[in-house]
């Protein structure tokens, strides 16, 4: 389902409201900002022979919707952790001046280990392309759980250690929560934790492992069979040509089950309105 088909479905439904056309047009402009970042990222990666692949909802959109999911806005990609330094160097040299990338390697106060790419003039807090680094895992099931938990915990600590209390929340509950975590991690050494994180994520080679996860706060969410992410191919969509895993059907089935099934219209509209509200505050 492309964006025009989605809009037509909304127009014919009982959920249609007078301001939806304007909201949808603004939302499409937000989508286009990130899509342009993805096109530029694709160009840099192809030029420098860096293997990347669309991930999560971005992969789902490319396969099911022939482009971006019409009611979603952000973009996710996978890059092997072993290619991180090459990627950073390639972006420094070849990324178009209209965009910038943000990660601990360019700002030691970056609160997340993953990389984000955004159009200049916009914060990476909400307008972003997320680069998730794929890492190998131990072979034994219980060891994988302990490993992913340790990766997640280090990412969690960094997040709350470096998050801005002023910018991150407007609620008293949020202030209290973040303050308590900051107090708990007051004496954590960010540089030491970064080195430990790097060592941990380099322990298991992706090609030598049966399972992979991502090197970030979501490390415990999935155990991805590496056979589903080691090989990539190019896919042409309505939004352009991008790289996807060759085994995208198996990966999408693992992540979403019946991935061709479209959510009910009410939920799609709610998701779009939620994203639009967040983006509008970020302008």
Foldseek 3Di string as FASTA:
>chain_A
DEQVVLVVVLVPDPNDDPCVVVLLVVLVVLQVQQLVVQVLLQVLCVVLVFDKAWDDQQLLCCVQVLGHDSQDRETEMEGAPVCVVVSVVSCVPRRDPQKDKDACVVPVLPLWHWMWMGGPPFDSPQRTYTYWHKFAADADDVRRQVLLVVLLVLSVLSNLCRPDLVPPDDDPVSNVVSVVSNVVSVPPDSVVSVVVLSCSRPPGHLVRHQWIATRHNCSNVDTHGSVQPPAWDWDQGPSGIGIHGPNSVVVCCVVPNPSNDDDDSVVSVVSNVVSSVVVVVRD
